[in-house]
Amino acid sequence: MDFDIHAPNYIFVSLIMRKISTVTHFLTIYTHKIHNIFEKKFFKGSRAFSNETQVYCAGQ
């Protein structure tokens, strides 16, 4: 009897959690794309520069 009362709430909560997970997934993808575009536009060659400095520091 107790289970029958709480079952709909459990289904509702699971649906909400699934929605939240999908939304966060899409948000992470979206922010990653924005970051890539931003990096290409404003920081051309910054990644290559950081890689060179890392290699230089490792060589020291």
PDB file of N, CA and C in Angstrom:
ATOM      1  N   MET A   1       0.836  -1.199   0.000  1.00  0.00           N
ATOM      2  CA  MET A   1       0.000   0.000   0.000  1.00  0.00           C
ATOM      3  C   MET A   1       0.878   1.260   0.000  1.00  0.00           C
ATOM      4  N   ASP A   2       1.884   1.255   0.848  1.00  0.00           N
ATOM      5  CA  ASP A   2       2.807   2.383   0.925  1.00  0.00           C
ATOM      6  C   ASP A   2       3.522   2.598  -0.405  1.00  0.00           C
ATOM      7  N   PHE A   3       3.945   1.493  -1.017  1.00  0.00           N
ATOM      8  CA  PHE A   3       4.656   1.553  -2.287  1.00  0.00           C
ATOM      9  C   PHE A   3       3.777   2.153  -3.382  1.00  0.00           C
ATOM     10  N   ASP A   4       2.489   1.781  -3.383  1.00  0.00           N
ATOM     11  CA  ASP A   4       1.564   2.298  -4.392  1.00  0.00           C
ATOM     12  C   ASP A   4       1.411   3.817  -4.270  1.00  0.00           C
ATOM     13  N   ILE A   5       1.457   4.320  -3.045  1.00  0.00           N
ATOM     14  CA  ILE A   5       1.327   5.769  -2.842  1.00  0.00           C
ATOM     15  C   ILE A   5       2.576   6.490  -3.356  1.00  0.00           C
ATOM     16  N   HIS A   6       3.747   5.921  -3.093  1.00  0.00           N
ATOM     17  CA  HIS A   6       5.005   6.600  -3.415  1.00  0.00           C
ATOM     18  C   HIS A   6       5.512   6.326  -4.835  1.00  0.00           C
ATOM     19  N   ALA A   7       4.924   5.350  -5.514  1.00  0.00           N
ATOM     20  CA  ALA A   7       5.396   4.993  -6.858  1.00  0.00           C
ATOM     21  C   ALA A   7       5.295   6.159  -7.852  1.00  0.00           C
ATOM     22  N   PRO A   8       4.162   6.866  -7.937  1.00  0.00           N
ATOM     23  CA  PRO A   8       4.067   7.984  -8.895  1.00  0.00           C
ATOM     24  C   PRO A   8       5.106   9.068  -8.623  1.00  0.00           C
ATOM     25  N   ASN A   9       5.343   9.364  -7.358  1.00  0.00           N
ATOM     26  CA  ASN A   9       6.357  10.364  -7.012  1.00  0.00           C
ATOM     27  C   ASN A   9       7.734   9.928  -7.487  1.00  0.00           C
ATOM     28  N   TYR A  10       8.029   8.643  -7.317  1.00  0.00           N
ATOM     29  CA  TYR A  10       9.326   8.113  -7.739  1.00  0.00           C
ATOM     30  C   TYR A  10       9.496   8.259  -9.249  1.00  0.00           C
ATOM     31  N   ILE A  11       8.432   7.927  -9.994  1.00  0.00           N
ATOM     32  CA  ILE A  11       8.480   8.050 -11.461  1.00  0.00           C
ATOM     33  C   ILE A  11       8.695   9.518 -11.842  1.00  0.00           C
ATOM     34  N   PHE A  12       7.970  10.407 -11.172  1.00  0.00           N
ATOM     35  CA  PHE A  12       8.072  11.845 -11.440  1.00  0.00           C
ATOM     36  C   PHE A  12       9.493  12.341 -11.187  1.00  0.00           C
ATOM     37  N   VAL A  13      10.058  11.937 -10.056  1.00  0.00           N
ATOM     38  CA  VAL A  13      11.416  12.357  -9.697  1.00  0.00           C
ATOM     39  C   VAL A  13      12.427  11.822 -10.701  1.00  0.00           C
ATOM     40  N   SER A  14      12.254  10.559 -11.113  1.00  0.00           N
ATOM     41  CA  SER A  14      13.187   9.968 -12.082  1.00  0.00           C
ATOM     42  C   SER A  14      13.123  10.713 -13.415  1.00  0.00           C
ATOM     43  N   LEU A  15      11.909  11.096 -13.830  1.00  0.00           N
ATOM     44  CA  LEU A  15      11.762  11.861 -15.071  1.00  0.00           C
ATOM     45  C   LEU A  15      12.452  13.217 -14.954  1.00  0.00           C
ATOM     46  N   ILE A  16      12.263  13.880 -13.823  1.00  0.00           N
ATOM     47  CA  ILE A  16      12.902  15.184 -13.607  1.00  0.00           C
ATOM     48  C   ILE A  16      14.418  15.046 -13.645  1.00  0.00           C
ATOM     49  N   MET A  17      14.941  14.016 -12.985  1.00  0.00           N
ATOM     50  CA  MET A  17      16.388  13.802 -12.958  1.00  0.00           C
ATOM     51  C   MET A  17      16.923  13.544 -14.364  1.00  0.00           C
ATOM     52  N   ARG A  18      16.167  12.772 -15.146  1.00  0.00           N
ATOM     53  CA  ARG A  18      16.586  12.486 -16.521  1.00  0.00           C
ATOM     54  C   ARG A  18      16.615  13.771 -17.335  1.00  0.00           C
ATOM     55  N   LYS A  19      15.586  14.613 -17.163  1.00  0.00           N
ATOM     56  CA  LYS A  19      15.534  15.891 -17.876  1.00  0.00           C
ATOM     57  C   LYS A  19      16.723  16.763 -17.495  1.00  0.00           C
ATOM     58  N   ILE A  20      17.019  16.826 -16.202  1.00  0.00           N
ATOM     59  CA  ILE A  20      18.133  17.646 -15.718  1.00  0.00           C
ATOM     60  C   ILE A  20      19.447  17.161 -16.325  1.00  0.00           C
ATOM     61  N   SER A  21      19.622  15.836 -16.368  1.00  0.00           N
ATOM     62  CA  SER A  21      20.873  15.284 -16.904  1.00  0.00           C
ATOM     63  C   SER A  21      21.026  15.619 -18.384  1.00  0.00           C
ATOM     64  N   THR A  22      19.924  15.515 -19.151  1.00  0.00           N
ATOM     65  CA  THR A  22      19.997  15.831 -20.580  1.00  0.00           C
ATOM     66  C   THR A  22      20.280  17.318 -20.782  1.00  0.00           C
ATOM     67  N   VAL A  23      19.651  18.161 -19.977  1.00  0.00           N
ATOM     68  CA  VAL A  23      19.849  19.610 -20.087  1.00  0.00           C
ATOM     69  C   VAL A  23      21.297  19.970 -19.783  1.00  0.00           C
ATOM     70  N   THR A  24      21.843  19.385 -18.729  1.00  0.00           N
ATOM     71  CA  THR A  24      23.231  19.677 -18.371  1.00  0.00           C
ATOM     72  C   THR A  24      24.173  19.175 -19.462  1.00  0.00           C
ATOM     73  N   HIS A  25      23.824  18.024 -20.056  1.00  0.00           N
ATOM     74  CA  HIS A  25      24.640  17.468 -21.141  1.00  0.00           C
ATOM     75  C   HIS A  25      24.681  18.442 -22.313  1.00  0.00           C
ATOM     76  N   PHE A  26      23.505  18.944 -22.717  1.00  0.00           N
ATOM     77  CA  PHE A  26      23.451  19.883 -23.835  1.00  0.00           C
ATOM     78  C   PHE A  26      24.157  21.195 -23.489  1.00  0.00           C
ATOM     79  N   LEU A  27      24.033  21.625 -22.238  1.00  0.00           N
ATOM     80  CA  LEU A  27      24.692  22.859 -21.813  1.00  0.00           C
ATOM     81  C   LEU A  27      26.204  22.731 -21.894  1.00  0.00           C
ATOM     82  N   THR A  28      26.729  21.584 -21.485  1.00  0.00           N
ATOM     83  CA  THR A  28      28.180  21.389 -21.538  1.00  0.00           C
ATOM     84  C   THR A  28      28.666  21.401 -22.976  1.00  0.00           C
ATOM     85  N   ILE A  29      27.908  20.741 -23.876  1.00  0.00           N
ATOM     86  CA  ILE A  29      28.281  20.726 -25.299  1.00  0.00           C
ATOM     87  C   ILE A  29      28.252  22.156 -25.845  1.00  0.00           C
ATOM     88  N   TYR A  30      27.177  22.887 -25.511  1.00  0.00           N
ATOM     89  CA  TYR A  30      26.985  24.246 -26.008  1.00  0.00           C
ATOM     90  C   TYR A  30      28.111  25.165 -25.535  1.00  0.00           C
ATOM     91  N   THR A  31      28.440  25.100 -24.250  1.00  0.00           N
ATOM     92  CA  THR A  31      29.495  25.951 -23.704  1.00  0.00           C
ATOM     93  C   THR A  31      30.844  25.585 -24.310  1.00  0.00           C
ATOM     94  N   HIS A  32      31.049  24.299 -24.581  1.00  0.00           N
ATOM     95  CA  HIS A  32      32.298  23.857 -25.205  1.00  0.00           C
ATOM     96  C   HIS A  32      32.428  24.445 -26.603  1.00  0.00           C
ATOM     97  N   LYS A  33      31.312  24.437 -27.363  1.00  0.00           N
ATOM     98  CA  LYS A  33      31.327  25.010 -28.715  1.00  0.00           C
ATOM     99  C   LYS A  33      31.612  26.503 -28.658  1.00  0.00           C
ATOM    100  N   ILE A  34      30.956  27.197 -27.734  1.00  0.00           N
ATOM    101  CA  ILE A  34      31.172  28.639 -27.582  1.00  0.00           C
ATOM    102  C   ILE A  34      32.626  28.916 -27.232  1.00  0.00           C
ATOM    103  N   HIS A  35      33.181  28.101 -26.338  1.00  0.00           N
ATOM    104  CA  HIS A  35      34.577  28.265 -25.927  1.00  0.00           C
ATOM    105  C   HIS A  35      35.511  28.095 -27.123  1.00  0.00           C
ATOM    106  N   ASN A  36      35.240  27.087 -27.959  1.00  0.00           N
ATOM    107  CA  ASN A  36      36.073  26.848 -29.141  1.00  0.00           C
ATOM    108  C   ASN A  36      36.007  28.026 -30.106  1.00  0.00           C
ATOM    109  N   ILE A  37      34.797  28.542 -30.350  1.00  0.00           N
ATOM    110  CA  ILE A  37      34.625  29.678 -31.260  1.00  0.00           C
ATOM    111  C   ILE A  37      35.361  30.899 -30.705  1.00  0.00           C
ATOM    112  N   PHE A  38      35.181  31.139 -29.394  1.00  0.00           N
ATOM    113  CA  PHE A  38      35.825  32.272 -28.725  1.00  0.00           C
ATOM    114  C   PHE A  38      37.339  32.162 -28.838  1.00  0.00           C
ATOM    115  N   GLU A  39      37.853  30.952 -28.626  1.00  0.00           N
ATOM    116  CA  GLU A  39      39.296  30.724 -28.679  1.00  0.00           C
ATOM    117  C   GLU A  39      39.819  30.976 -30.097  1.00  0.00           C
ATOM    118  N   LYS A  40      39.081  30.503 -31.106  1.00  0.00           N
ATOM    119  CA  LYS A  40      39.518  30.687 -32.495  1.00  0.00           C
ATOM    120  C   LYS A  40      39.526  32.162 -32.872  1.00  0.00           C
ATOM    121  N   LYS A  41      38.510  32.917 -32.405  1.00  0.00           N
ATOM    122  CA  LYS A  41      38.403  34.318 -32.798  1.00  0.00           C
ATOM    123  C   LYS A  41      39.413  35.203 -32.086  1.00  0.00           C
ATOM    124  N   PHE A  42      39.549  35.020 -30.777  1.00  0.00           N
ATOM    125  CA  PHE A  42      40.290  35.993 -29.971  1.00  0.00           C
ATOM    126  C   PHE A  42      41.677  35.532 -29.543  1.00  0.00           C
ATOM    127  N   PHE A  43      41.885  34.228 -29.502  1.00  0.00           N
ATOM    128  CA  PHE A  43      43.170  33.723 -29.015  1.00  0.00           C
ATOM    129  C   PHE A  43      43.831  32.845 -30.065  1.00  0.00           C
ATOM    130  N   LYS A  44      44.097  33.414 -31.225  1.00  0.00           N
ATOM    131  CA  LYS A  44      44.729  32.636 -32.298  1.00  0.00           C
ATOM    132  C   LYS A  44      46.167  32.321 -31.915  1.00  0.00           C
ATOM    133  N   GLY A  45      46.478  31.022 -31.905  1.00  0.00           N
ATOM    134  CA  GLY A  45      47.834  30.603 -31.604  1.00  0.00           C
ATOM    135  C   GLY A  45      48.171  30.569 -30.126  1.00  0.00           C
ATOM    136  N   SER A  46      47.201  30.867 -29.270  1.00  0.00           N
ATOM    137  CA  SER A  46      47.492  30.859 -27.828  1.00  0.00           C
ATOM    138  C   SER A  46      47.733  29.438 -27.347  1.00  0.00           C
ATOM    139  N   ARG A  47      46.976  28.492 -27.910  1.00  0.00           N
ATOM    140  CA  ARG A  47      47.144  27.095 -27.502  1.00  0.00           C
ATOM    141  C   ARG A  47      48.516  26.583 -27.930  1.00  0.00           C
ATOM    142  N   ALA A  48      48.938  26.922 -29.149  1.00  0.00           N
ATOM    143  CA  ALA A  48      50.254  26.502 -29.637  1.00  0.00           C
ATOM    144  C   ALA A  48      51.343  27.114 -28.764  1.00  0.00           C
ATOM    145  N   PHE A  49      51.168  28.373 -28.391  1.00  0.00           N
ATOM    146  CA  PHE A  49      52.135  29.056 -27.529  1.00  0.00           C
ATOM    147  C   PHE A  49      52.247  28.361 -26.176  1.00  0.00           C
ATOM    148  N   SER A  50      51.095  27.998 -25.596  1.00  0.00           N
ATOM    149  CA  SER A  50      51.110  27.322 -24.290  1.00  0.00           C
ATOM    150  C   SER A  50      51.781  25.957 -24.408  1.00  0.00           C
ATOM    151  N   ASN A  51      51.534  25.260 -25.515  1.00  0.00           N
ATOM    152  CA  ASN A  51      52.179  23.965 -25.721  1.00  0.00           C
ATOM    153  C   ASN A  51      53.698  24.121 -25.818  1.00  0.00           C
ATOM    154  N   GLU A  52      54.149  25.140 -26.535  1.00  0.00           N
ATOM    155  CA  GLU A  52      55.590  25.391 -26.667  1.00  0.00           C
ATOM    156  C   GLU A  52      56.217  25.698 -25.314  1.00  0.00           C
ATOM    157  N   THR A  53      55.546  26.504 -24.512  1.00  0.00           N
ATOM    158  CA  THR A  53      56.085  26.849 -23.193  1.00  0.00           C
ATOM    159  C   THR A  53      56.137  25.621 -22.299  1.00  0.00           C
ATOM    160  N   GLN A  54      55.123  24.744 -22.405  1.00  0.00           N
ATOM    161  CA  GLN A  54      55.118  23.514 -21.616  1.00  0.00           C
ATOM    162  C   GLN A  54      56.301  22.635 -21.993  1.00  0.00           C
ATOM    163  N   VAL A  55      56.533  22.500 -23.298  1.00  0.00           N
ATOM    164  CA  VAL A  55      57.656  21.683 -23.770  1.00  0.00           C
ATOM    165  C   VAL A  55      58.972  22.292 -23.301  1.00  0.00           C
ATOM    166  N   TYR A  56      59.066  23.625 -23.386  1.00  0.00           N
ATOM    167  CA  TYR A  56      60.282  24.325 -22.949  1.00  0.00           C
ATOM    168  C   TYR A  56      60.533  24.103 -21.456  1.00  0.00           C
ATOM    169  N   CYS A  57      59.467  24.223 -20.652  1.00  0.00           N
ATOM    170  CA  CYS A  57      59.605  24.031 -19.206  1.00  0.00           C
ATOM    171  C   CYS A  57      59.990  22.588 -18.889  1.00  0.00           C
ATOM    172  N   ALA A  58      59.440  21.645 -19.648  1.00  0.00           N
ATOM    173  CA  ALA A  58      59.759  20.230 -19.427  1.00  0.00           C
ATOM    174  C   ALA A  58      61.215  19.950 -19.793  1.00  0.00           C
ATOM    175  N   GLY A  59      61.717  20.664 -20.835  1.00  0.00           N
ATOM    176  CA  GLY A  59      63.092  20.452 -21.280  1.00  0.00           C
ATOM    177  C   GLY A  59      64.114  21.009 -20.308  1.00  0.00           C
ATOM    178  N   GLN A  60      63.715  22.021 -19.531  1.00  0.00           N
ATOM    179  CA  GLN A  60      64.656  22.653 -18.593  1.00  0.00           C
ATOM    180  C   GLN A  60      65.067  21.719 -17.452  1.00  0.00           C
TER     181      GLN A  60
END
